[in-house]
C-alpha atoms as a PDB file:
ATOM      1  CA  MET A   1      83.421 149.752 108.121  1.00  0.00           C
ATOM      2  CA  LYS A   2      84.982 146.955 110.156  1.00  0.00           C
ATOM      3  CA  ARG A   3      81.747 146.433 112.087  1.00  0.00           C
ATOM      4  CA  TYR A   4      79.825 146.196 108.838  1.00  0.00           C
ATOM      5  CA  VAL A   5      82.191 143.564 107.452  1.00  0.00           C
ATOM      6  CA  LEU A   6      82.047 141.630 110.722  1.00  0.00           C
ATOM      7  CA  PHE A   7      78.249 141.797 110.714  1.00  0.00           C
ATOM      8  CA  VAL A   8      78.069 140.518 107.128  1.00  0.00           C
ATOM      9  CA  CYS A   9      80.481 137.667 107.896  1.00  0.00           C
ATOM     10  CA  LEU A  10      78.463 136.618 110.944  1.00  0.00           C
ATOM     11  CA  LEU A  11      75.239 136.813 108.971  1.00  0.00           C
ATOM     12  CA  LEU A  12      76.639 134.669 106.162  1.00  0.00           C
ATOM     13  CA  SER A  13      78.069 132.111 108.562  1.00  0.00           C
ATOM     14  CA  GLY A  14      74.687 131.867 110.274  1.00  0.00           C
ATOM     15  CA  LEU A  15      72.974 131.259 106.957  1.00  0.00           C
ATOM     16  CA  ALA A  16      75.474 128.549 106.071  1.00  0.00           C
ATOM     17  CA  GLY A  17      74.075 126.409 108.893  1.00  0.00           C
ATOM     18  CA  VAL A  18      70.589 126.670 107.445  1.00  0.00           C
ATOM     19  CA  TYR A  19      71.702 125.282 104.098  1.00  0.00           C
ATOM     20  CA  ALA A  20      74.031 122.656 105.565  1.00  0.00           C
ATOM     21  CA  GLN A  21      73.800 119.074 104.406  1.00  0.00           C
ATOM     22  CA  SER A  22      71.792 116.793 106.655  1.00  0.00           C
ATOM     23  CA  ILE A  23      73.080 113.261 106.971  1.00  0.00           C
ATOM     24  CA  ALA A  24      70.631 110.443 107.557  1.00  0.00           C
ATOM     25  CA  PRO A  25      71.546 107.852 110.219  1.00  0.00           C
ATOM     26  CA  PHE A  26      72.515 104.347 109.194  1.00  0.00           C
ATOM     27  CA  GLN A  27      69.700 101.949 108.514  1.00  0.00           C
ATOM     28  CA  LYS A  28      69.717  98.239 109.304  1.00  0.00           C
ATOM     29  CA  GLY A  29      71.578  96.403 106.555  1.00  0.00           C
ATOM     30  CA  ASP A  30      73.655  99.401 105.425  1.00  0.00           C
ATOM     31  CA  ARG A  31      77.276  98.783 104.605  1.00  0.00           C
ATOM     32  CA  ILE A  32      80.156 101.200 105.082  1.00  0.00           C
ATOM     33  CA  ALA A  33      83.786 101.229 104.050  1.00  0.00           C
ATOM     34  CA  PHE A  34      86.614 103.063 105.783  1.00  0.00           C
ATOM     35  CA  VAL A  35      89.093 104.052 103.119  1.00  0.00           C
ATOM     36  CA  GLY A  36      92.548 105.337 103.885  1.00  0.00           C
ATOM     37  CA  ASN A  37      95.987 104.442 105.107  1.00  0.00           C
ATOM     38  CA  SER A  38      96.119 106.090 108.507  1.00  0.00           C
ATOM     39  CA  ILE A  39      97.622 102.993 110.189  1.00  0.00           C
ATOM     40  CA  THR A  40      99.994 101.967 107.435  1.00  0.00           C
ATOM     41  CA  CYS A  41     101.181 105.485 106.668  1.00  0.00           C
ATOM     42  CA  GLY A  42     104.925 105.675 107.124  1.00  0.00           C
ATOM     43  CA  GLY A  43     105.318 102.027 108.084  1.00  0.00           C
ATOM     44  CA  HIS A  44     103.848 102.526 111.561  1.00  0.00           C
ATOM     45  CA  TYR A  45     101.656  99.449 111.158  1.00  0.00           C
ATOM     46  CA  HIS A  46     104.629  97.105 111.468  1.00  0.00           C
ATOM     47  CA  SER A  47     106.044  98.942 114.460  1.00  0.00           C
ATOM     48  CA  TYR A  48     102.659  98.758 116.219  1.00  0.00           C
ATOM     49  CA  ILE A  49     102.572  94.984 115.754  1.00  0.00           C
ATOM     50  CA  TRP A  50     106.157  94.691 116.974  1.00  0.00           C
ATOM     51  CA  LEU A  51     105.425  96.872 119.996  1.00  0.00           C
ATOM     52  CA  TYR A  52     102.324  94.857 120.850  1.00  0.00           C
ATOM     53  CA  TYR A  53     104.184  91.557 120.892  1.00  0.00           C
ATOM     54  CA  MET A  54     107.228  92.984 122.683  1.00  0.00           C
ATOM     55  CA  THR A  55     105.142  94.403 125.514  1.00  0.00           C
ATOM     56  CA  ARG A  56     102.799  91.439 125.985  1.00  0.00           C
ATOM     57  CA  PHE A  57     105.052  88.495 125.167  1.00  0.00           C
ATOM     58  CA  PRO A  58     108.649  89.581 125.924  1.00  0.00           C
ATOM     59  CA  ASP A  59     109.984  86.033 125.753  1.00  0.00           C
END
């Protein structure tokens, strides 16, 4: 029974790749936008600026 379930899972996961979305490469003139707050999350943005200036211009 376990082998049968494993076989079915492997078969279904293999078929998922066939029906996967294909993404076209960027064309000349395309515009993109990166949306999110990965840098500013938790106030790290300000500490990164502070650390940059403290390590490069200590005076």
